[in-house]
Amino acid sequence: MSIRKKWILTFGTIAVVLVAVNSLVLGILISRYFNHYLDVNYEETCSQLVTYLGSAMEDDKIQTEMIAVELEAYLDDSITEIKVYDSEGTLVAQTDNSTDYSRTGMGMMHDHMMSGSAETGYEVTDSFDIIGEKESLGTVHIVRASVSGNSEAAVMFQKSLLFNSLLTMGLVMFLVILLAILMSRRVSKDLIGTAGMAKNIEDGLDNVTTFSNTSEIQAIQRSLSSLETRLKVKQQARKTLVDEMVHQTRTPLTILKMHIEGIEDGVVEMDKEHIRICENQIDNLEDIITNISGLIDAKADDRRVSLEAVDLFQQIRQIANGMRAQFHKKKIDFQISAMDHIIIQTDKYLLGQSIYNLLTNAYKFTPQGGVVQLSCSLKKDTAVLIEVKDNGCGISKEDQNKIFDAYYKKNQKEGLSGDGLGLFVAKENIERMGGSISVFSEEGKGSTFLIVLPYQ
């Protein structure tokens, strides 16, 4: 059953029960008050009748026919017959209402002259003494319905009350069902929209959400919107991590390729040192393949930093030897300046990758015949400074604020390519090791990238 039908059924049931209970209670109370009103009205009528008969029977000028005519004015739905007897029990006047109720015949006997009441079937006969100024003048017998609710007026009133109650119930039911349809349509629309949000998230589509005014549905929609955002962030983080892995894989592959090309061209001699360089790049590839397990959880903050004692001079020398053939082929003067015996606690792999990415960037944007300098120094025994300087095309101030963003590429000269991750990865790596990286550049004069690492 749809939620709309449930709403209509629920609202309809509640409305029927409430209206029925309300009508029943009000009907009982109103009927009780109405019967009480009839009883009070009957007593007042009887009092007025006895007073009139007392004065009329004492007045010799009023004839019996006139009394009978006047008695008709006291007949109503509850009083069906009136008989007046004198003190001797003789019937003086009589009038009736031609009712359908069965009646009790009234005799001429004196025992009927006693004040009281006698009940027969649906009718009751009440007797009242007619008292003059000095003596009893006679008795009046009034025949009425045994229960005030049995009178014609009471029956008509109850029928009218029942009809109006049913009419009210029907009107309320109509309004409730109409309201339930409108409300259920709105809620159904919100729920259908919420289901659409979930479906779009499942299918990887973007959502354009108009939040519901219903707080509970709005909470679900906001949760789905938050989930969509987190999934997008995680998906982007996973993509970034995959791209980083691809970029990291290029580093040792490029060095191996350059050495093989150098050997083929006769530029590089295959001695022990170059064999060692190639072995180191193969080890780097093995580490990258091992780290692919980190793709299971694409949260960058969860990737651990493996600290170890690293001879910085030895590592810089190793990286420089791996790239020297590349710079030589482009006829770039590659200069190295580093202090001996600087031992720091750092992640050897992350630091090496960062330095390589800066050197690769300098290689790309330094023309033939240019100069690239790699230097390392110790600052007051508190920090290690690693500097990569070139005299290439330089970077504009606007681009300097963006070059460390993932996938950002400045307008490059024809023939230069890249995925826009080199500097981003370098910055991420250095910051994960507790350091910082900055750039100083001027267009047309070159760039200087400075890495600052804590010295321990």
Protein backbone atom coordinates (compact mmCIF):
# COMPACT_ATOMS: atom_id res chain seq x y z
CA MET A 1 0.00 0.00 0.00
CA SER A 2 1.33 3.41 -0.96
CA ILE A 3 1.95 6.06 1.66
CA ARG A 4 -0.77 8.22 0.12
CA LYS A 5 -3.41 5.51 0.66
CA LYS A 6 -2.14 4.95 4.19
CA TRP A 7 -2.45 8.66 4.93
CA ILE A 8 -6.00 8.81 3.55
CA LEU A 9 -7.05 5.65 5.41
CA THR A 10 -5.50 6.84 8.67
CA PHE A 11 -6.95 10.35 8.49
CA GLY A 12 -10.35 8.99 7.43
CA THR A 13 -10.48 6.49 10.30
CA ILE A 14 -9.45 9.11 12.86
CA ALA A 15 -12.02 11.57 11.50
CA VAL A 16 -14.84 8.98 11.60
CA VAL A 17 -14.02 7.95 15.15
CA LEU A 18 -13.70 11.52 16.42
CA VAL A 19 -16.88 12.75 14.71
CA ALA A 20 -18.83 9.68 15.83
CA VAL A 21 -17.73 10.04 19.45
CA ASN A 22 -18.35 13.78 19.37
CA SER A 23 -21.81 13.33 17.83
CA LEU A 24 -22.72 10.62 20.34
CA VAL A 25 -21.69 12.66 23.36
CA LEU A 26 -23.28 15.86 22.09
CA GLY A 27 -26.43 13.96 21.09
CA ILE A 28 -26.83 12.48 24.55
CA LEU A 29 -26.23 15.82 26.27
CA ILE A 30 -28.49 17.80 23.95
CA SER A 31 -31.26 15.16 24.19
CA ARG A 32 -31.03 15.23 27.97
CA TYR A 33 -31.26 19.02 28.10
CA PHE A 34 -34.12 19.03 25.61
CA ASN A 35 -36.14 16.48 27.63
CA HIS A 36 -35.50 18.55 30.73
CA TYR A 37 -36.80 21.58 28.89
CA LEU A 38 -39.95 19.66 27.92
CA ASP A 39 -40.52 18.60 31.51
CA VAL A 40 -40.12 22.17 32.82
CA ASN A 41 -42.40 23.49 30.09
CA TYR A 42 -45.03 20.84 30.96
CA GLU A 43 -44.99 21.82 34.63
CA GLU A 44 -45.43 25.50 33.75
CA THR A 45 -48.31 24.64 31.39
CA CYS A 46 -50.06 22.56 34.08
CA SER A 47 -49.64 25.35 36.64
CA GLN A 48 -51.09 27.90 34.23
CA LEU A 49 -54.00 25.54 33.36
CA VAL A 50 -54.91 24.89 37.01
CA THR A 51 -54.80 28.64 37.72
CA TYR A 52 -57.03 29.37 34.74
CA LEU A 53 -59.56 26.65 35.64
CA GLY A 54 -59.71 27.88 39.23
CA SER A 55 -60.68 31.38 38.15
CA ALA A 56 -62.96 30.18 35.33
CA MET A 57 -64.98 27.76 37.49
CA GLU A 58 -65.51 30.42 40.16
CA ASP A 59 -66.81 32.85 37.57
CA ASP A 60 -70.43 31.99 36.82
CA LYS A 61 -70.34 34.06 33.62
CA ILE A 62 -67.90 31.66 31.89
CA GLN A 63 -69.76 28.82 30.27
CA THR A 64 -68.60 25.26 29.91
CA GLU A 65 -68.21 25.60 26.12
CA MET A 66 -65.83 28.51 26.59
CA ILE A 67 -63.74 26.48 29.04
CA ALA A 68 -63.50 23.63 26.45
CA VAL A 69 -62.36 26.08 23.80
CA GLU A 70 -59.70 27.55 26.08
CA LEU A 71 -58.43 24.05 26.95
CA GLU A 72 -57.41 23.52 23.31
CA ALA A 73 -54.77 26.24 23.75
CA TYR A 74 -52.98 24.04 26.30
CA LEU A 75 -52.73 21.03 24.03
CA ASP A 76 -49.28 20.41 22.53
CA ASP A 77 -47.05 17.51 21.48
CA SER A 78 -46.71 16.24 25.05
CA ILE A 79 -50.30 16.91 26.30
CA THR A 80 -52.78 14.84 24.28
CA GLU A 81 -55.98 15.10 26.32
CA ILE A 82 -57.46 17.29 29.10
CA LYS A 83 -60.58 16.47 31.16
CA VAL A 84 -62.05 18.76 33.80
CA TYR A 85 -64.32 17.46 36.57
CA ASP A 86 -66.23 19.44 39.14
CA SER A 87 -66.17 18.68 42.87
CA GLU A 88 -68.89 16.04 42.43
CA GLY A 89 -66.98 14.15 39.76
CA THR A 90 -69.05 15.32 36.84
CA LEU A 91 -67.22 15.94 33.57
CA VAL A 92 -67.31 19.65 32.92
CA ALA A 93 -65.12 19.99 29.81
CA GLN A 94 -62.95 17.81 27.62
CA THR A 95 -60.53 18.26 24.71
CA ASP A 96 -57.99 15.97 22.99
CA ASN A 97 -55.26 15.99 20.31
CA SER A 98 -56.29 12.90 18.31
CA THR A 99 -53.05 11.12 19.16
CA ASP A 100 -52.11 7.63 17.97
CA TYR A 101 -51.08 6.54 21.44
CA SER A 102 -53.37 4.08 23.22
CA ARG A 103 -55.36 5.81 25.86
CA THR A 104 -56.77 5.18 29.29
CA GLY A 105 -60.48 5.83 29.36
CA MET A 106 -61.50 8.21 32.04
CA GLY A 107 -64.58 7.38 34.06
CA MET A 108 -66.84 9.55 36.05
CA MET A 109 -65.85 8.04 39.32
CA HIS A 110 -64.78 10.14 42.26
CA ASP A 111 -61.57 8.18 42.74
CA HIS A 112 -60.22 9.98 39.66
CA MET A 113 -60.48 13.24 41.48
CA MET A 114 -57.50 12.50 43.68
CA SER A 115 -54.36 14.32 42.85
CA GLY A 116 -51.65 11.98 41.42
CA SER A 117 -50.72 10.13 38.20
CA ALA A 118 -51.46 6.82 36.52
CA GLU A 119 -49.29 5.31 33.78
CA THR A 120 -50.65 3.13 31.02
CA GLY A 121 -48.48 2.03 28.08
CA TYR A 122 -47.08 5.08 26.34
CA GLU A 123 -49.22 7.57 28.27
CA VAL A 124 -49.45 8.96 31.78
CA THR A 125 -52.52 10.58 33.33
CA ASP A 126 -51.74 13.35 35.84
CA SER A 127 -54.46 14.64 38.14
CA PHE A 128 -54.40 18.11 39.70
CA ASP A 129 -56.92 19.58 42.20
CA ILE A 130 -58.57 22.83 41.21
CA ILE A 131 -58.63 24.96 44.35
CA GLY A 132 -60.74 28.09 44.59
CA GLU A 133 -60.47 30.86 47.14
CA LYS A 134 -62.49 28.93 49.76
CA GLU A 135 -62.90 25.34 48.61
CA SER A 136 -61.93 22.66 46.10
CA LEU A 137 -63.67 23.27 42.81
CA GLY A 138 -62.82 20.03 41.06
CA THR A 139 -60.07 18.10 39.33
CA VAL A 140 -58.30 18.29 35.98
CA HIS A 141 -56.91 15.13 34.38
CA ILE A 142 -54.08 15.67 31.89
CA VAL A 143 -53.00 12.85 29.61
CA ARG A 144 -49.44 13.13 28.35
CA ALA A 145 -46.66 10.91 26.89
CA SER A 146 -45.13 8.67 29.54
CA VAL A 147 -41.64 9.88 28.57
CA SER A 148 -41.02 13.38 27.33
CA GLY A 149 -38.76 11.90 24.68
CA ASN A 150 -41.75 10.05 23.19
CA SER A 151 -43.50 13.25 22.21
CA GLU A 152 -43.71 14.16 18.57
CA ALA A 153 -41.52 17.24 19.05
CA ALA A 154 -38.87 15.18 20.82
CA VAL A 155 -38.92 12.51 18.11
CA MET A 156 -38.59 15.15 15.38
CA PHE A 157 -35.79 16.84 17.30
CA GLN A 158 -33.87 13.56 17.64
CA LYS A 159 -34.30 12.81 13.92
CA SER A 160 -33.05 16.27 13.05
CA LEU A 161 -30.10 15.86 15.42
CA LEU A 162 -29.21 12.50 13.84
CA PHE A 163 -29.49 13.91 10.31
CA ASN A 164 -27.30 16.90 11.15
CA SER A 165 -24.74 14.63 12.83
CA LEU A 166 -24.55 12.45 9.72
CA LEU A 167 -24.33 15.54 7.52
CA THR A 168 -21.53 16.92 9.69
CA MET A 169 -19.71 13.58 9.58
CA GLY A 170 -19.96 13.49 5.80
CA LEU A 171 -18.68 17.07 5.48
CA VAL A 172 -15.81 16.41 7.88
CA MET A 173 -14.95 13.19 6.03
CA PHE A 174 -14.87 15.08 2.73
CA LEU A 175 -12.61 17.81 4.13
CA VAL A 176 -10.35 15.30 5.88
CA ILE A 177 -9.96 13.16 2.77
CA LEU A 178 -9.26 16.27 0.67
CA LEU A 179 -6.67 17.46 3.20
CA ALA A 180 -5.14 13.99 3.40
CA ILE A 181 -4.86 13.82 -0.39
CA LEU A 182 -3.14 17.22 -0.55
CA MET A 183 -0.76 16.47 2.32
CA SER A 184 0.01 12.95 1.14
CA ARG A 185 0.69 14.24 -2.36
CA ARG A 186 3.20 16.70 -0.97
CA VAL A 187 4.87 14.13 1.25
CA SER A 188 4.85 11.57 -1.56
CA LYS A 189 6.50 14.12 -3.86
CA ASP A 190 9.21 14.77 -1.27
CA LEU A 191 9.78 11.05 -0.72
CA ILE A 192 9.90 10.37 -4.46
CA GLY A 193 12.46 13.17 -4.78
CA THR A 194 14.47 11.67 -1.91
CA ALA A 195 14.38 8.26 -3.61
CA GLY A 196 15.55 9.97 -6.80
CA MET A 197 18.49 11.44 -4.88
CA ALA A 198 19.50 7.99 -3.66
CA LYS A 199 19.16 6.58 -7.18
CA ASN A 200 21.31 9.34 -8.65
CA ILE A 201 23.97 8.70 -6.01
CA GLU A 202 23.87 5.01 -6.87
CA ASP A 203 24.22 5.80 -10.59
CA GLY A 204 26.93 8.39 -9.99
CA LEU A 205 24.82 11.30 -11.26
CA ASP A 206 24.75 14.82 -9.84
CA ASN A 207 21.77 15.89 -7.76
CA VAL A 208 19.99 19.24 -7.92
CA THR A 209 18.07 19.12 -4.64
CA THR A 210 15.22 21.25 -3.37
CA PHE A 211 14.98 20.37 0.31
CA SER A 212 11.59 19.43 1.77
CA ASN A 213 9.85 21.57 4.37
CA THR A 214 9.17 18.43 6.40
CA SER A 215 11.98 18.26 8.96
CA GLU A 216 12.26 14.44 8.98
CA ILE A 217 12.41 14.18 5.18
CA GLN A 218 14.76 17.17 5.05
CA ALA A 219 17.08 15.39 7.50
CA ILE A 220 17.18 12.34 5.20
CA GLN A 221 17.82 14.55 2.17
CA ARG A 222 20.63 16.40 3.91
CA SER A 223 22.16 13.08 4.98
CA LEU A 224 22.03 11.88 1.37
CA SER A 225 23.52 15.17 0.18
CA SER A 226 26.31 14.83 2.75
CA LEU A 227 26.85 11.22 1.67
CA GLU A 228 27.05 12.32 -1.96
CA THR A 229 29.65 14.95 -1.07
CA ARG A 230 31.72 12.44 0.92
CA LEU A 231 31.56 9.92 -1.90
CA LYS A 232 32.68 12.55 -4.40
CA VAL A 233 35.53 13.58 -2.12
CA LYS A 234 36.57 9.96 -1.66
CA GLN A 235 36.27 9.28 -5.36
CA GLN A 236 38.40 12.33 -6.11
CA ALA A 237 40.90 11.26 -3.45
CA ARG A 238 41.06 7.79 -4.99
CA LYS A 239 41.57 9.29 -8.45
CA THR A 240 44.28 11.56 -7.10
CA LEU A 241 45.98 8.62 -5.42
CA VAL A 242 45.84 6.56 -8.61
CA ASP A 243 47.28 9.47 -10.57
CA GLU A 244 50.01 9.84 -7.94
CA MET A 245 50.84 6.16 -8.27
CA VAL A 246 51.03 6.52 -12.05
CA HIS A 247 53.18 9.60 -11.67
CA GLN A 248 55.43 7.85 -9.15
CA THR A 249 55.80 4.91 -11.51
CA ARG A 250 57.01 7.20 -14.28
CA THR A 251 59.93 8.41 -12.16
CA PRO A 252 61.96 5.17 -12.06
CA LEU A 253 60.78 4.18 -15.53
CA THR A 254 61.98 7.48 -16.99
CA ILE A 255 65.39 7.11 -15.29
CA LEU A 256 65.74 3.53 -16.53
CA LYS A 257 64.71 4.59 -20.03
CA MET A 258 67.21 7.48 -20.08
CA HIS A 259 70.05 5.19 -18.95
CA ILE A 260 69.20 2.58 -21.54
CA GLU A 261 69.10 5.28 -24.25
CA GLY A 262 72.40 6.67 -22.92
CA ILE A 263 73.99 3.23 -23.11
CA GLU A 264 72.69 2.77 -26.67
CA ASP A 265 74.03 6.19 -27.70
CA GLY A 266 77.36 5.56 -25.98
CA VAL A 267 76.87 8.49 -23.61
CA VAL A 268 76.64 6.34 -20.47
CA GLU A 269 79.05 3.54 -19.64
CA MET A 270 77.47 0.52 -17.97
CA ASP A 271 79.71 0.49 -14.88
CA LYS A 272 78.86 -0.56 -11.33
CA GLU A 273 77.58 2.87 -10.38
CA HIS A 274 75.02 3.01 -13.20
CA ILE A 275 74.02 -0.58 -12.55
CA ARG A 276 73.38 0.42 -8.95
CA ILE A 277 71.25 3.38 -10.12
CA CYS A 278 69.13 1.04 -12.24
CA GLU A 279 68.78 -1.39 -9.34
CA ASN A 280 67.58 1.46 -7.08
CA GLN A 281 64.90 2.42 -9.61
CA ILE A 282 63.75 -1.20 -9.77
CA ASP A 283 63.52 -1.17 -5.95
CA ASN A 284 61.42 2.00 -6.19
CA LEU A 285 59.06 0.27 -8.58
CA GLU A 286 58.69 -2.61 -6.14
CA ASP A 287 57.84 -0.14 -3.33
CA ILE A 288 55.23 1.56 -5.52
CA ILE A 289 53.59 -1.77 -6.33
CA THR A 290 53.58 -2.65 -2.62
CA ASN A 291 51.95 0.70 -1.77
CA ILE A 292 49.12 0.08 -4.22
CA SER A 293 47.32 -1.68 -1.33
CA GLY A 294 46.71 1.84 -0.02
CA LEU A 295 44.15 2.25 -2.76
CA ILE A 296 41.73 0.20 -0.64
CA ASP A 297 41.34 3.24 1.56
CA ALA A 298 41.74 6.40 -0.48
CA LYS A 299 42.12 8.75 2.49
CA ALA A 300 45.42 10.50 1.96
CA ASP A 301 45.90 11.11 5.68
CA ASP A 302 45.97 7.39 6.32
CA ARG A 303 49.13 6.82 4.25
CA ARG A 304 51.93 6.43 6.72
CA VAL A 305 55.32 8.14 6.69
CA SER A 306 58.19 5.69 7.22
CA LEU A 307 60.93 7.60 9.01
CA GLU A 308 64.54 6.41 8.90
CA ALA A 309 68.05 7.81 9.08
CA VAL A 310 68.95 9.12 5.61
CA ASP A 311 72.30 10.41 4.36
CA LEU A 312 71.02 13.43 2.47
CA PHE A 313 74.23 13.94 0.44
CA GLN A 314 74.19 10.33 -0.69
CA GLN A 315 70.52 10.49 -1.71
CA ILE A 316 70.95 13.76 -3.64
CA ARG A 317 74.00 12.32 -5.41
CA GLN A 318 72.02 9.21 -6.33
CA ILE A 319 69.10 11.26 -7.72
CA ALA A 320 71.46 13.55 -9.64
CA ASN A 321 73.31 10.62 -11.19
CA GLY A 322 69.98 9.15 -12.27
CA MET A 323 68.97 12.33 -14.09
CA ARG A 324 72.33 13.52 -15.34
CA ALA A 325 71.96 11.74 -18.69
CA GLN A 326 68.59 13.42 -19.19
CA PHE A 327 70.04 16.91 -18.59
CA HIS A 328 73.09 16.13 -20.71
CA LYS A 329 70.92 15.11 -23.65
CA LYS A 330 69.13 18.51 -23.53
CA LYS A 331 72.49 20.29 -23.08
CA ILE A 332 71.53 21.75 -19.70
CA ASP A 333 74.32 22.49 -17.22
CA PHE A 334 73.29 20.46 -14.15
CA GLN A 335 75.17 21.63 -11.04
CA ILE A 336 75.14 20.02 -7.58
CA SER A 337 76.18 21.65 -4.32
CA ALA A 338 75.64 19.69 -1.11
CA MET A 339 77.25 19.40 2.32
CA ASP A 340 78.72 16.08 3.33
CA HIS A 341 77.33 13.95 6.15
CA ILE A 342 73.89 15.49 6.74
CA ILE A 343 71.91 12.71 8.40
CA ILE A 344 68.18 13.40 8.93
CA GLN A 345 65.17 11.36 10.05
CA THR A 346 62.85 11.33 7.08
CA ASP A 347 61.00 9.15 4.60
CA LYS A 348 63.63 8.35 1.98
CA TYR A 349 61.11 7.43 -0.70
CA LEU A 350 58.89 10.53 -0.28
CA LEU A 351 61.86 12.90 -0.13
CA GLY A 352 63.49 11.35 -3.19
CA GLN A 353 60.27 11.58 -5.16
CA SER A 354 59.82 15.25 -4.19
CA ILE A 355 63.34 16.23 -5.26
CA TYR A 356 62.95 14.29 -8.51
CA ASN A 357 59.65 16.07 -9.27
CA LEU A 358 61.28 19.49 -8.73
CA LEU A 359 64.21 18.55 -10.97
CA THR A 360 61.81 17.22 -13.65
CA ASN A 361 59.88 20.50 -13.50
CA ALA A 362 63.13 22.49 -13.86
CA TYR A 363 64.17 20.28 -16.78
CA LYS A 364 60.88 20.94 -18.61
CA PHE A 365 60.97 24.74 -18.33
CA THR A 366 64.71 25.33 -18.81
CA PRO A 367 65.75 25.81 -22.44
CA GLN A 368 68.80 24.25 -24.08
CA GLY A 369 71.99 25.78 -22.79
CA GLY A 370 70.36 26.74 -19.50
CA VAL A 371 71.47 25.98 -15.96
CA VAL A 372 69.81 23.95 -13.19
CA GLN A 373 71.29 23.96 -9.70
CA LEU A 374 70.56 21.50 -6.86
CA SER A 375 71.92 22.46 -3.45
CA CYS A 376 71.58 21.30 0.15
CA SER A 377 72.58 23.09 3.35
CA LEU A 378 71.97 23.11 7.11
CA LYS A 379 70.43 26.13 8.77
CA LYS A 380 71.56 26.70 12.38
CA ASP A 381 71.27 22.99 13.17
CA THR A 382 67.44 23.30 13.17
CA ALA A 383 66.43 22.86 9.55
CA VAL A 384 67.64 21.37 6.31
CA LEU A 385 67.31 23.49 3.16
CA ILE A 386 67.08 21.84 -0.26
CA GLU A 387 67.02 24.22 -3.21
CA VAL A 388 66.31 23.62 -6.91
CA LYS A 389 67.09 26.67 -9.05
CA ASP A 390 66.83 27.21 -12.82
CA ASN A 391 67.11 30.08 -15.27
CA GLY A 392 64.11 29.03 -17.33
CA CYS A 393 60.95 30.89 -18.34
CA GLY A 394 59.84 31.65 -14.77
CA ILE A 395 56.33 31.68 -13.26
CA SER A 396 53.87 34.57 -13.07
CA LYS A 397 52.62 35.74 -9.67
CA GLU A 398 49.14 34.55 -10.52
CA ASP A 399 50.36 31.05 -11.37
CA GLN A 400 52.55 30.88 -8.26
CA ASN A 401 49.39 30.61 -6.16
CA LYS A 402 48.10 27.68 -8.23
CA ILE A 403 51.07 25.54 -9.28
CA PHE A 404 50.83 23.34 -6.16
CA ASP A 405 47.15 22.49 -6.88
CA ALA A 406 46.37 19.04 -8.24
CA TYR A 407 45.96 18.87 -12.04
CA TYR A 408 46.84 22.51 -12.52
CA LYS A 409 48.76 23.23 -15.72
CA LYS A 410 50.03 26.63 -16.72
CA ASN A 411 50.14 27.63 -20.38
CA GLN A 412 53.01 25.54 -21.60
CA LYS A 413 55.18 25.88 -24.63
CA GLU A 414 54.54 23.52 -27.50
CA GLY A 415 56.18 20.18 -26.91
CA LEU A 416 55.92 20.31 -23.10
CA SER A 417 53.54 17.88 -21.46
CA GLY A 418 52.54 16.81 -17.97
CA ASP A 419 49.63 15.71 -15.84
CA GLY A 420 49.74 18.63 -13.39
CA LEU A 421 50.60 16.44 -10.38
CA GLY A 422 54.37 16.78 -9.99
CA LEU A 423 54.44 19.86 -7.76
CA PHE A 424 51.24 18.78 -5.99
CA VAL A 425 52.79 15.44 -5.02
CA ALA A 426 56.02 17.15 -3.95
CA LYS A 427 54.10 19.53 -1.67
CA GLU A 428 51.99 16.71 -0.21
CA ASN A 429 55.07 14.59 0.50
CA ILE A 430 57.05 17.40 2.15
CA GLU A 431 54.13 18.46 4.36
CA ARG A 432 53.55 14.88 5.45
CA MET A 433 57.15 14.80 6.64
CA GLY A 434 56.61 17.99 8.67
CA GLY A 435 58.32 20.32 6.21
CA SER A 436 57.31 23.06 3.80
CA ILE A 437 57.90 23.99 0.17
CA SER A 438 57.80 27.43 -1.44
CA VAL A 439 58.63 29.05 -4.77
CA PHE A 440 60.36 32.29 -5.72
CA SER A 441 60.12 33.19 -9.39
CA GLU A 442 60.14 35.99 -11.90
CA GLU A 443 58.94 35.64 -15.45
CA GLY A 444 61.82 35.45 -17.92
CA LYS A 445 64.46 34.99 -15.21
CA GLY A 446 63.80 31.53 -13.78
CA SER A 447 62.46 29.92 -10.62
CA THR A 448 63.73 28.73 -7.26
CA PHE A 449 61.96 26.01 -5.24
CA LEU A 450 62.91 25.72 -1.59
CA ILE A 451 62.27 22.69 0.62
CA VAL A 452 62.60 23.15 4.38
CA LEU A 453 62.72 20.00 6.55
CA PRO A 454 63.14 19.74 10.34
CA TYR A 455 66.61 18.62 11.35
CA GLN A 456 66.75 16.03 14.14
